PDB file of all heavy atoms in Angstrom:
ATOM      1  N   PRO A   1       0.786  -1.148   0.027  1.00  0.00           N
ATOM      2  CA  PRO A   1       0.105   0.004  -0.062  1.00  0.00           C
ATOM      3  C   PRO A   1       0.898   1.305   0.036  1.00  0.00           C
ATOM      4  O   PRO A   1       1.680   1.452   0.922  1.00  0.00           O
ATOM      5  CB  PRO A   1      -0.861  -0.143   1.329  1.00  0.00           C
ATOM      6  CG  PRO A   1       0.065  -0.997   2.108  1.00  0.00           C
ATOM      7  CD  PRO A   1       0.813  -1.990   1.257  1.00  0.00           C
ATOM      8  N   PRO A   2       0.562   2.272  -0.935  1.00  0.00           N
ATOM      9  CA  PRO A   2       1.295   3.521  -0.897  1.00  0.00           C
ATOM     10  C   PRO A   2       1.026   4.236   0.360  1.00  0.00           C
ATOM     11  O   PRO A   2       1.942   5.123   0.686  1.00  0.00           O
ATOM     12  CB  PRO A   2       0.705   4.247  -2.085  1.00  0.00           C
ATOM     13  CG  PRO A   2      -0.002   3.195  -2.909  1.00  0.00           C
ATOM     14  CD  PRO A   2      -0.292   2.081  -2.089  1.00  0.00           C
ATOM     15  N   GLU A   3      -0.036   4.034   1.082  1.00  0.00           N
ATOM     16  CA  GLU A   3      -0.339   4.742   2.282  1.00  0.00           C
ATOM     17  C   GLU A   3       0.766   4.591   3.368  1.00  0.00           C
ATOM     18  O   GLU A   3       0.717   5.295   4.373  1.00  0.00           O
ATOM     19  CB  GLU A   3      -1.732   4.366   2.796  1.00  0.00           C
ATOM     20  CG  GLU A   3      -2.855   4.790   1.840  1.00  0.00           C
ATOM     21  CD  GLU A   3      -3.094   4.011   0.560  1.00  0.00           C
ATOM     22  OE1 GLU A   3      -2.439   2.881   0.555  1.00  0.00           O
ATOM     23  OE2 GLU A   3      -3.860   4.416  -0.164  1.00  0.00           O
ATOM     24  N   VAL A   4       1.585   3.643   3.216  1.00  0.00           N
ATOM     25  CA  VAL A   4       2.674   3.343   4.238  1.00  0.00           C
ATOM     26  C   VAL A   4       3.852   4.266   4.059  1.00  0.00           C
ATOM     27  O   VAL A   4       4.683   4.343   4.911  1.00  0.00           O
ATOM     28  CB  VAL A   4       3.056   1.864   4.111  1.00  0.00           C
ATOM     29  CG1 VAL A   4       4.187   1.497   5.101  1.00  0.00           C
ATOM     30  CG2 VAL A   4       1.804   0.927   4.486  1.00  0.00           C
ATOM     31  N   ILE A   5       3.934   4.810   2.852  1.00  0.00           N
ATOM     32  CA  ILE A   5       5.045   5.548   2.596  1.00  0.00           C
ATOM     33  C   ILE A   5       5.358   6.741   3.516  1.00  0.00           C
ATOM     34  O   ILE A   5       6.466   7.058   3.950  1.00  0.00           O
ATOM     35  CB  ILE A   5       5.076   6.197   1.093  1.00  0.00           C
ATOM     36  CG1 ILE A   5       5.150   5.005   0.179  1.00  0.00           C
ATOM     37  CG2 ILE A   5       6.066   7.250   0.821  1.00  0.00           C
ATOM     38  CD1 ILE A   5       4.948   5.366  -1.348  1.00  0.00           C
ATOM     39  N   PRO A   6       4.393   7.564   3.922  1.00  0.00           N
ATOM     40  CA  PRO A   6       4.617   8.554   4.838  1.00  0.00           C
ATOM     41  C   PRO A   6       5.209   8.159   6.216  1.00  0.00           C
ATOM     42  O   PRO A   6       6.078   8.721   6.784  1.00  0.00           O
ATOM     43  CB  PRO A   6       3.232   9.227   4.952  1.00  0.00           C
ATOM     44  CG  PRO A   6       2.445   8.963   3.790  1.00  0.00           C
ATOM     45  CD  PRO A   6       3.000   7.529   3.329  1.00  0.00           C
ATOM     46  N   GLU A   7       4.802   6.922   6.659  1.00  0.00           N
ATOM     47  CA  GLU A   7       5.310   6.421   7.796  1.00  0.00           C
ATOM     48  C   GLU A   7       6.856   6.021   7.749  1.00  0.00           C
ATOM     49  O   GLU A   7       7.564   6.207   8.554  1.00  0.00           O
ATOM     50  CB  GLU A   7       4.440   5.191   8.280  1.00  0.00           C
ATOM     51  CG  GLU A   7       5.077   4.455   9.498  1.00  0.00           C
ATOM     52  CD  GLU A   7       5.021   5.343  10.804  1.00  0.00           C
ATOM     53  OE1 GLU A   7       4.321   6.416  10.783  1.00  0.00           O
ATOM     54  OE2 GLU A   7       5.670   4.908  11.751  1.00  0.00           O
ATOM     55  N   MET A   8       7.142   5.446   6.374  1.00  0.00           N
ATOM     56  CA  MET A   8       8.508   5.263   6.179  1.00  0.00           C
ATOM     57  C   MET A   8       9.339   6.466   6.187  1.00  0.00           C
ATOM     58  O   MET A   8      10.444   6.412   6.923  1.00  0.00           O
ATOM     59  CB  MET A   8       8.629   4.589   4.840  1.00  0.00           C
ATOM     60  CG  MET A   8       8.204   3.096   4.727  1.00  0.00           C
ATOM     61  SD  MET A   8       8.283   2.562   3.020  1.00  0.00           S
ATOM     62  CE  MET A   8       8.248   0.673   3.295  1.00  0.00           C
ATOM     63  N   LEU A   9       8.959   7.488   5.673  1.00  0.00           N
ATOM     64  CA  LEU A   9       9.671   8.821   5.763  1.00  0.00           C
ATOM     65  C   LEU A   9       9.795   9.392   7.003  1.00  0.00           C
ATOM     66  O   LEU A   9      10.898   9.793   7.494  1.00  0.00           O
ATOM     67  CB  LEU A   9       9.009   9.808   4.726  1.00  0.00           C
ATOM     68  CG  LEU A   9       9.707  11.106   4.411  1.00  0.00           C
ATOM     69  CD1 LEU A   9      11.064  10.794   3.860  1.00  0.00           C
ATOM     70  CD2 LEU A   9       8.902  12.008   3.493  1.00  0.00           C
ATOM     71  N   ARG A  10       8.683   9.269   7.823  1.00  0.00           N
ATOM     72  CA  ARG A  10       8.669   9.710   9.069  1.00  0.00           C
ATOM     73  C   ARG A  10       9.726   9.005  10.070  1.00  0.00           C
ATOM     74  O   ARG A  10      10.516   9.596  10.763  1.00  0.00           O
ATOM     75  CB  ARG A  10       7.362   9.688   9.848  1.00  0.00           C
ATOM     76  CG  ARG A  10       7.230  10.301  11.218  1.00  0.00           C
ATOM     77  CD  ARG A  10       5.980   9.993  11.962  1.00  0.00           C
ATOM     78  NE  ARG A  10       6.095   8.468  12.380  1.00  0.00           N
ATOM     79  CZ  ARG A  10       6.807   7.888  13.274  1.00  0.00           C
ATOM     80  NH1 ARG A  10       7.365   8.790  14.175  1.00  0.00           N
ATOM     81  NH2 ARG A  10       6.892   6.752  13.635  1.00  0.00           N
ATOM     82  N   ARG A  11       9.740   7.653   9.905  1.00  0.00           N
ATOM     83  CA  ARG A  11      10.644   6.839  10.792  1.00  0.00           C
ATOM     84  C   ARG A  11      12.057   7.146  10.353  1.00  0.00           C
ATOM     85  O   ARG A  11      12.978   7.195  11.208  1.00  0.00           O
ATOM     86  CB  ARG A  11      10.453   5.371  10.503  1.00  0.00           C
ATOM     87  CG  ARG A  11       9.118   4.931  11.300  1.00  0.00           C
ATOM     88  CD  ARG A  11       9.286   3.561  11.938  1.00  0.00           C
ATOM     89  NE  ARG A  11      10.452   3.407  12.705  1.00  0.00           N
ATOM     90  CZ  ARG A  11      11.106   2.412  13.028  1.00  0.00           C
ATOM     91  NH1 ARG A  11      10.543   1.179  12.653  1.00  0.00           N
ATOM     92  NH2 ARG A  11      12.087   2.316  13.910  1.00  0.00           N
ATOM     93  N   ALA A  12      12.428   7.390   9.004  1.00  0.00           N
ATOM     94  CA  ALA A  12      13.665   7.678   8.716  1.00  0.00           C
ATOM     95  C   ALA A  12      14.205   8.896   9.188  1.00  0.00           C
ATOM     96  O   ALA A  12      15.276   9.011   9.588  1.00  0.00           O
ATOM     97  CB  ALA A  12      13.771   7.680   7.092  1.00  0.00           C
ATOM     98  N   ARG A  13      13.328  10.011   9.243  1.00  0.00           N
ATOM     99  CA  ARG A  13      13.871  11.202   9.781  1.00  0.00           C
ATOM    100  C   ARG A  13      13.793  11.192  11.325  1.00  0.00           C
ATOM    101  O   ARG A  13      14.717  11.746  11.856  1.00  0.00           O
ATOM    102  CB  ARG A  13      12.732  12.209   9.313  1.00  0.00           C
ATOM    103  CG  ARG A  13      12.916  12.600   7.740  1.00  0.00           C
ATOM    104  CD  ARG A  13      11.860  13.519   7.411  1.00  0.00           C
ATOM    105  NE  ARG A  13      12.144  14.198   6.056  1.00  0.00           N
ATOM    106  CZ  ARG A  13      11.357  14.881   5.325  1.00  0.00           C
ATOM    107  NH1 ARG A  13      10.041  15.226   5.796  1.00  0.00           N
ATOM    108  NH2 ARG A  13      11.686  15.516   4.236  1.00  0.00           N
ATOM    109  N   VAL A  14      12.751  10.672  11.976  1.00  0.00           N
ATOM    110  CA  VAL A  14      12.797  10.784  13.473  1.00  0.00           C
ATOM    111  C   VAL A  14      13.879   9.927  13.992  1.00  0.00           C
ATOM    112  O   VAL A  14      14.452  10.231  14.978  1.00  0.00           O
ATOM    113  CB  VAL A  14      11.391  10.429  13.834  1.00  0.00           C
ATOM    114  CG1 VAL A  14      11.298  10.331  15.432  1.00  0.00           C
ATOM    115  CG2 VAL A  14      10.338  11.520  13.346  1.00  0.00           C
ATOM    116  N   ASP A  15      13.906   8.786  13.538  1.00  0.00           N
ATOM    117  CA  ASP A  15      14.845   7.694  14.094  1.00  0.00           C
ATOM    118  C   ASP A  15      16.239   7.643  13.431  1.00  0.00           C
ATOM    119  O   ASP A  15      17.029   6.920  13.843  1.00  0.00           O
ATOM    120  CB  ASP A  15      14.262   6.340  13.978  1.00  0.00           C
ATOM    121  CG  ASP A  15      12.915   6.259  14.688  1.00  0.00           C
ATOM    122  OD1 ASP A  15      12.679   6.933  15.638  1.00  0.00           O
ATOM    123  OD2 ASP A  15      12.017   5.246  14.253  1.00  0.00           O
ATOM    124  N   GLY A  16      16.414   8.621  12.493  1.00  0.00           N
ATOM    125  CA  GLY A  16      17.760   8.646  11.909  1.00  0.00           C
ATOM    126  C   GLY A  16      18.210   7.354  11.142  1.00  0.00           C
ATOM    127  O   GLY A  16      19.289   6.844  11.224  1.00  0.00           O
ATOM    128  N   LEU A  17      17.211   6.755  10.388  1.00  0.00           N
ATOM    129  CA  LEU A  17      17.352   5.495   9.699  1.00  0.00           C
ATOM    130  C   LEU A  17      17.720   5.782   8.185  1.00  0.00           C
ATOM    131  O   LEU A  17      17.205   6.766   7.537  1.00  0.00           O
ATOM    132  CB  LEU A  17      16.153   4.653   9.841  1.00  0.00           C
ATOM    133  CG  LEU A  17      15.722   4.245  11.128  1.00  0.00           C
ATOM    134  CD1 LEU A  17      14.379   3.518  10.965  1.00  0.00           C
ATOM    135  CD2 LEU A  17      16.808   3.607  11.936  1.00  0.00           C
ATOM    136  N   ASP A  18      18.630   4.989   7.652  1.00  0.00           N
ATOM    137  CA  ASP A  18      18.890   5.080   6.200  1.00  0.00           C
ATOM    138  C   ASP A  18      18.139   4.042   5.470  1.00  0.00           C
ATOM    139  O   ASP A  18      17.992   4.225   4.157  1.00  0.00           O
ATOM    140  CB  ASP A  18      20.457   4.769   6.013  1.00  0.00           C
ATOM    141  CG  ASP A  18      21.307   5.920   6.489  1.00  0.00           C
ATOM    142  OD1 ASP A  18      21.184   7.036   5.790  1.00  0.00           O
ATOM    143  OD2 ASP A  18      21.991   5.746   7.456  1.00  0.00           O
ATOM    144  N   VAL A  19      17.541   3.030   6.035  1.00  0.00           N
ATOM    145  CA  VAL A  19      16.826   2.003   5.316  1.00  0.00           C
ATOM    146  C   VAL A  19      15.547   1.756   6.227  1.00  0.00           C
ATOM    147  O   VAL A  19      15.664   1.462   7.399  1.00  0.00           O
ATOM    148  CB  VAL A  19      17.554   0.741   5.329  1.00  0.00           C
ATOM    149  CG1 VAL A  19      16.663  -0.348   4.468  1.00  0.00           C
ATOM    150  CG2 VAL A  19      18.953   0.963   4.397  1.00  0.00           C
ATOM    151  N   VAL A  20      14.477   1.752   5.630  1.00  0.00           N
ATOM    152  CA  VAL A  20      13.209   1.364   6.307  1.00  0.00           C
ATOM    153  C   VAL A  20      12.449   0.369   5.400  1.00  0.00           C
ATOM    154  O   VAL A  20      12.024   0.597   4.300  1.00  0.00           O
ATOM    155  CB  VAL A  20      12.222   2.566   6.439  1.00  0.00           C
ATOM    156  CG1 VAL A  20      10.949   2.071   7.137  1.00  0.00           C
ATOM    157  CG2 VAL A  20      12.792   3.638   7.257  1.00  0.00           C
ATOM    158  N   HIS A  21      12.329  -0.989   5.902  1.00  0.00           N
ATOM    159  CA  HIS A  21      11.870  -2.095   5.217  1.00  0.00           C
ATOM    160  C   HIS A  21      10.257  -2.058   5.361  1.00  0.00           C
ATOM    161  O   HIS A  21       9.841  -1.969   6.522  1.00  0.00           O
ATOM    162  CB  HIS A  21      12.447  -3.369   5.646  1.00  0.00           C
ATOM    163  CG  HIS A  21      13.920  -3.451   5.469  1.00  0.00           C
ATOM    164  ND1 HIS A  21      14.535  -3.752   4.122  1.00  0.00           N
ATOM    165  CD2 HIS A  21      14.886  -3.307   6.244  1.00  0.00           C
ATOM    166  CE1 HIS A  21      15.688  -3.788   4.349  1.00  0.00           C
ATOM    167  NE2 HIS A  21      16.156  -3.514   5.522  1.00  0.00           N
ATOM    168  N   GLY A  22       9.617  -2.328   4.268  1.00  0.00           N
ATOM    169  CA  GLY A  22       8.158  -2.615   4.414  1.00  0.00           C
ATOM    170  C   GLY A  22       8.068  -4.097   4.721  1.00  0.00           C
ATOM    171  O   GLY A  22       8.455  -4.873   3.819  1.00  0.00           O
ATOM    172  N   VAL A  23       7.503  -4.457   5.896  1.00  0.00           N
ATOM    173  CA  VAL A  23       7.474  -5.946   6.281  1.00  0.00           C
ATOM    174  C   VAL A  23       6.121  -6.372   6.237  1.00  0.00           C
ATOM    175  O   VAL A  23       5.103  -5.852   6.699  1.00  0.00           O
ATOM    176  CB  VAL A  23       8.096  -6.096   7.648  1.00  0.00           C
ATOM    177  CG1 VAL A  23       7.831  -7.666   8.065  1.00  0.00           C
ATOM    178  CG2 VAL A  23       9.437  -5.884   7.614  1.00  0.00           C
ATOM    179  N   ARG A  24       5.795  -7.588   5.540  1.00  0.00           N
ATOM    180  CA  ARG A  24       4.355  -8.067   5.330  1.00  0.00           C
ATOM    181  C   ARG A  24       3.993  -8.770   6.684  1.00  0.00           C
ATOM    182  O   ARG A  24       4.405  -9.856   6.848  1.00  0.00           O
ATOM    183  CB  ARG A  24       4.262  -8.959   4.215  1.00  0.00           C
ATOM    184  CG  ARG A  24       4.666  -8.284   2.934  1.00  0.00           C
ATOM    185  CD  ARG A  24       5.345  -9.265   1.864  1.00  0.00           C
ATOM    186  NE  ARG A  24       5.760  -8.554   0.656  1.00  0.00           N
ATOM    187  CZ  ARG A  24       6.488  -9.262  -0.262  1.00  0.00           C
ATOM    188  NH1 ARG A  24       7.040 -10.326  -0.039  1.00  0.00           N
ATOM    189  NH2 ARG A  24       6.825  -8.446  -1.352  1.00  0.00           N
ATOM    190  N   ALA A  25       3.169  -8.077   7.486  1.00  0.00           N
ATOM    191  CA  ALA A  25       2.753  -8.667   8.710  1.00  0.00           C
ATOM    192  C   ALA A  25       1.623  -9.791   8.509  1.00  0.00           C
ATOM    193  O   ALA A  25       1.457 -10.638   9.365  1.00  0.00           O
ATOM    194  CB  ALA A  25       2.225  -7.571   9.686  1.00  0.00           C
ATOM    195  N   ASP A  26       0.847  -9.600   7.445  1.00  0.00           N
ATOM    196  CA  ASP A  26      -0.388 -10.521   7.189  1.00  0.00           C
ATOM    197  C   ASP A  26      -0.260 -10.868   5.681  1.00  0.00           C
ATOM    198  O   ASP A  26      -0.577  -9.936   4.883  1.00  0.00           O
ATOM    199  CB  ASP A  26      -1.477  -9.821   7.628  1.00  0.00           C
ATOM    200  CG  ASP A  26      -2.784 -10.695   7.442  1.00  0.00           C
ATOM    201  OD1 ASP A  26      -2.680 -11.862   6.976  1.00  0.00           O
ATOM    202  OD2 ASP A  26      -3.952 -10.279   7.720  1.00  0.00           O
ATOM    203  N   ARG A  27      -0.113 -12.058   5.462  1.00  0.00           N
ATOM    204  CA  ARG A  27      -0.098 -12.487   4.073  1.00  0.00           C
ATOM    205  C   ARG A  27      -1.266 -13.550   3.834  1.00  0.00           C
ATOM    206  O   ARG A  27      -1.316 -14.476   2.902  1.00  0.00           O
ATOM    207  CB  ARG A  27       1.153 -13.224   3.654  1.00  0.00           C
ATOM    208  CG  ARG A  27       2.479 -12.271   3.780  1.00  0.00           C
ATOM    209  CD  ARG A  27       3.597 -12.995   3.120  1.00  0.00           C
ATOM    210  NE  ARG A  27       3.502 -13.027   1.774  1.00  0.00           N
ATOM    211  CZ  ARG A  27       4.671 -12.997   0.984  1.00  0.00           C
ATOM    212  NH1 ARG A  27       5.758 -12.927   1.509  1.00  0.00           N
ATOM    213  NH2 ARG A  27       4.518 -13.213  -0.306  1.00  0.00           N
ATOM    214  N   SER A  28      -2.382 -13.289   4.511  1.00  0.00           N
ATOM    215  CA  SER A  28      -3.411 -14.315   4.455  1.00  0.00           C
ATOM    216  C   SER A  28      -4.152 -14.184   3.072  1.00  0.00           C
ATOM    217  O   SER A  28      -4.880 -15.218   2.730  1.00  0.00           O
ATOM    218  CB  SER A  28      -4.386 -13.899   5.521  1.00  0.00           C
ATOM    219  OG  SER A  28      -4.904 -12.606   5.388  1.00  0.00           O
ATOM    220  N   ARG A  29      -3.940 -13.183   2.314  1.00  0.00           N
ATOM    221  CA  ARG A  29      -4.667 -13.133   1.032  1.00  0.00           C
ATOM    222  C   ARG A  29      -3.810 -13.800  -0.084  1.00  0.00           C
ATOM    223  O   ARG A  29      -4.226 -13.845  -1.240  1.00  0.00           O
ATOM    224  CB  ARG A  29      -4.905 -11.627   0.711  1.00  0.00           C
ATOM    225  CG  ARG A  29      -5.935 -10.922   1.713  1.00  0.00           C
ATOM    226  CD  ARG A  29      -6.411  -9.604   1.130  1.00  0.00           C
ATOM    227  NE  ARG A  29      -7.273  -8.968   2.175  1.00  0.00           N
ATOM    228  CZ  ARG A  29      -7.879  -7.852   1.963  1.00  0.00           C
ATOM    229  NH1 ARG A  29      -7.659  -7.182   0.820  1.00  0.00           N
ATOM    230  NH2 ARG A  29      -8.758  -7.495   2.874  1.00  0.00           N
ATOM    231  N   ASP A  30      -2.631 -14.049   0.242  1.00  0.00           N
ATOM    232  CA  ASP A  30      -1.698 -14.938  -0.705  1.00  0.00           C
ATOM    233  C   ASP A  30      -2.293 -16.447  -0.502  1.00  0.00           C
ATOM    234  O   ASP A  30      -2.834 -16.719   0.310  1.00  0.00           O
ATOM    235  CB  ASP A  30      -0.284 -14.793  -0.311  1.00  0.00           C
ATOM    236  CG  ASP A  30       0.337 -13.439  -0.630  1.00  0.00           C
ATOM    237  OD1 ASP A  30      -0.270 -12.720  -1.429  1.00  0.00           O
ATOM    238  OD2 ASP A  30       1.460 -13.084  -0.134  1.00  0.00           O
ATOM    239  N   THR A  31      -1.944 -17.015  -1.678  1.00  0.00           N
ATOM    240  CA  THR A  31      -2.247 -18.498  -1.701  1.00  0.00           C
ATOM    241  C   THR A  31      -1.380 -19.272  -0.633  1.00  0.00           C
ATOM    242  O   THR A  31      -0.334 -18.728  -0.307  1.00  0.00           O
ATOM    243  CB  THR A  31      -2.100 -19.145  -3.142  1.00  0.00           C
ATOM    244  OG1 THR A  31      -0.684 -19.045  -3.392  1.00  0.00           O
ATOM    245  CG2 THR A  31      -2.812 -18.341  -4.123  1.00  0.00           C
ATOM    246  N   ALA A  32      -1.811 -20.390  -0.224  1.00  0.00           N
ATOM    247  CA  ALA A  32      -1.130 -21.223   0.688  1.00  0.00           C
ATOM    248  C   ALA A  32       0.350 -21.595   0.138  1.00  0.00           C
ATOM    249  O   ALA A  32       1.301 -21.582   0.837  1.00  0.00           O
ATOM    250  CB  ALA A  32      -1.959 -22.354   1.087  1.00  0.00           C
ATOM    251  N   PHE A  33       0.332 -21.878  -1.210  1.00  0.00           N
ATOM    252  CA  PHE A  33       1.520 -22.203  -1.741  1.00  0.00           C
ATOM    253  C   PHE A  33       2.536 -21.034  -1.788  1.00  0.00           C
ATOM    254  O   PHE A  33       3.761 -21.161  -1.451  1.00  0.00           O
ATOM    255  CB  PHE A  33       1.431 -22.632  -3.246  1.00  0.00           C
ATOM    256  CG  PHE A  33       2.658 -23.016  -4.091  1.00  0.00           C
ATOM    257  CD1 PHE A  33       3.289 -24.167  -3.778  1.00  0.00           C
ATOM    258  CD2 PHE A  33       3.094 -22.080  -5.001  1.00  0.00           C
ATOM    259  CE1 PHE A  33       4.489 -24.412  -4.484  1.00  0.00           C
ATOM    260  CE2 PHE A  33       4.267 -22.476  -5.655  1.00  0.00           C
ATOM    261  CZ  PHE A  33       4.902 -23.554  -5.450  1.00  0.00           C
ATOM    262  N   LYS A  34       1.888 -19.767  -1.990  1.00  0.00           N
ATOM    263  CA  LYS A  34       2.877 -18.619  -2.131  1.00  0.00           C
ATOM    264  C   LYS A  34       3.336 -18.367  -0.644  1.00  0.00           C
ATOM    265  O   LYS A  34       4.598 -18.104  -0.498  1.00  0.00           O
ATOM    266  CB  LYS A  34       2.028 -17.413  -2.560  1.00  0.00           C
ATOM    267  CG  LYS A  34       2.685 -16.068  -2.516  1.00  0.00           C
ATOM    268  CD  LYS A  34       3.834 -15.975  -3.536  1.00  0.00           C
ATOM    269  CE  LYS A  34       4.342 -14.634  -3.587  1.00  0.00           C
ATOM    270  NZ  LYS A  34       5.426 -14.497  -4.619  1.00  0.00           N
ATOM    271  N   ARG A  35       2.535 -18.492   0.255  1.00  0.00           N
ATOM    272  CA  ARG A  35       3.038 -18.311   1.711  1.00  0.00           C
ATOM    273  C   ARG A  35       4.122 -19.334   2.196  1.00  0.00           C
ATOM    274  O   ARG A  35       5.106 -18.894   2.719  1.00  0.00           O
ATOM    275  CB  ARG A  35       1.835 -18.313   2.640  1.00  0.00           C
ATOM    276  CG  ARG A  35       0.789 -17.260   2.588  1.00  0.00           C
ATOM    277  CD  ARG A  35      -0.107 -17.172   3.711  1.00  0.00           C
ATOM    278  NE  ARG A  35      -0.723 -18.445   3.833  1.00  0.00           N
ATOM    279  CZ  ARG A  35      -1.951 -18.697   3.494  1.00  0.00           C
ATOM    280  NH1 ARG A  35      -2.630 -17.739   2.724  1.00  0.00           N
ATOM    281  NH2 ARG A  35      -2.663 -19.689   3.714  1.00  0.00           N
ATOM    282  N   TRP A  36       3.857 -20.528   1.668  1.00  0.00           N
ATOM    283  CA  TRP A  36       4.865 -21.541   2.098  1.00  0.00           C
ATOM    284  C   TRP A  36       6.173 -21.450   1.356  1.00  0.00           C
ATOM    285  O   TRP A  36       7.246 -21.436   2.006  1.00  0.00           O
ATOM    286  CB  TRP A  36       4.237 -22.923   1.607  1.00  0.00           C
ATOM    287  CG  TRP A  36       5.170 -24.127   2.072  1.00  0.00           C
ATOM    288  CD1 TRP A  36       5.400 -24.651   3.228  1.00  0.00           C
ATOM    289  CD2 TRP A  36       6.053 -24.741   1.076  1.00  0.00           C
ATOM    290  NE1 TRP A  36       6.283 -25.681   3.122  1.00  0.00           N
ATOM    291  CE2 TRP A  36       6.640 -25.791   1.827  1.00  0.00           C
ATOM    292  CE3 TRP A  36       6.251 -24.640  -0.346  1.00  0.00           C
ATOM    293  CZ2 TRP A  36       7.570 -26.655   1.166  1.00  0.00           C
ATOM    294  CZ3 TRP A  36       7.192 -25.524  -0.960  1.00  0.00           C
ATOM    295  CH2 TRP A  36       7.810 -26.533  -0.157  1.00  0.00           C
ATOM    296  N   THR A  37       6.253 -21.089   0.128  1.00  0.00           N
ATOM    297  CA  THR A  37       7.369 -20.854  -0.694  1.00  0.00           C
ATOM    298  C   THR A  37       8.160 -19.694  -0.066  1.00  0.00           C
ATOM    299  O   THR A  37       9.361 -19.570  -0.034  1.00  0.00           O
ATOM    300  CB  THR A  37       7.226 -20.701  -2.101  1.00  0.00           C
ATOM    301  OG1 THR A  37       6.181 -19.733  -2.347  1.00  0.00           O
ATOM    302  CG2 THR A  37       6.718 -22.032  -2.685  1.00  0.00           C
ATOM    303  N   ALA A  38       7.355 -18.524   0.077  1.00  0.00           N
ATOM    304  CA  ALA A  38       8.002 -17.298   0.583  1.00  0.00           C
ATOM    305  C   ALA A  38       8.607 -17.493   1.977  1.00  0.00           C
ATOM    306  O   ALA A  38       9.785 -17.048   2.286  1.00  0.00           O
ATOM    307  CB  ALA A  38       7.037 -16.119   0.735  1.00  0.00           C
ATOM    308  N   ALA A  39       7.972 -18.233   2.954  1.00  0.00           N
ATOM    309  CA  ALA A  39       8.532 -18.549   4.148  1.00  0.00           C
ATOM    310  C   ALA A  39       9.820 -19.356   3.983  1.00  0.00           C
ATOM    311  O   ALA A  39      10.758 -19.165   4.776  1.00  0.00           O
ATOM    312  CB  ALA A  39       7.554 -19.236   5.035  1.00  0.00           C
ATOM    313  N   GLY A  40       9.837 -20.395   3.122  1.00  0.00           N
ATOM    314  CA  GLY A  40      11.056 -21.133   2.947  1.00  0.00           C
ATOM    315  C   GLY A  40      12.147 -20.367   2.418  1.00  0.00           C
ATOM    316  O   GLY A  40      13.309 -20.467   2.824  1.00  0.00           O
ATOM    317  N   TYR A  41      11.907 -19.378   1.501  1.00  0.00           N
ATOM    318  CA  TYR A  41      12.967 -18.450   0.913  1.00  0.00           C
ATOM    319  C   TYR A  41      13.537 -17.607   2.020  1.00  0.00           C
ATOM    320  O   TYR A  41      14.711 -17.479   2.105  1.00  0.00           O
ATOM    321  CB  TYR A  41      12.249 -17.586  -0.115  1.00  0.00           C
ATOM    322  CG  TYR A  41      13.261 -16.521  -0.669  1.00  0.00           C
ATOM    323  CD1 TYR A  41      14.167 -16.782  -1.697  1.00  0.00           C
ATOM    324  CD2 TYR A  41      13.195 -15.181  -0.167  1.00  0.00           C
ATOM    325  CE1 TYR A  41      14.969 -15.832  -2.123  1.00  0.00           C
ATOM    326  CE2 TYR A  41      13.975 -14.309  -0.668  1.00  0.00           C
ATOM    327  CZ  TYR A  41      14.843 -14.482  -1.659  1.00  0.00           C
ATOM    328  OH  TYR A  41      15.741 -13.701  -2.155  1.00  0.00           O
ATOM    329  N   TYR A  42      12.734 -16.961   2.888  1.00  0.00           N
ATOM    330  CA  TYR A  42      13.264 -16.153   3.781  1.00  0.00           C
ATOM    331  C   TYR A  42      14.132 -16.880   4.910  1.00  0.00           C
ATOM    332  O   TYR A  42      15.115 -16.371   5.397  1.00  0.00           O
ATOM    333  CB  TYR A  42      12.200 -15.215   4.509  1.00  0.00           C
ATOM    334  CG  TYR A  42      11.547 -14.216   3.464  1.00  0.00           C
ATOM    335  CD1 TYR A  42      10.473 -14.209   2.988  1.00  0.00           C
ATOM    336  CD2 TYR A  42      12.508 -13.044   3.213  1.00  0.00           C
ATOM    337  CE1 TYR A  42       9.905 -13.276   2.182  1.00  0.00           C
ATOM    338  CE2 TYR A  42      12.074 -12.122   2.325  1.00  0.00           C
ATOM    339  CZ  TYR A  42      10.808 -12.214   1.724  1.00  0.00           C
ATOM    340  OH  TYR A  42      10.432 -11.283   0.771  1.00  0.00           O
TER     341      TYR A  42
END
């Protein structure tokens, strides 16, 4: 979601970060196969 971008920019400035990762907290809308393969990859 693009709506997360302002929070990324805010964290970079307030916390002095050079990298802010977008982390998928909920992948329930992905297929079971996609979730399984992604978990194995990471």
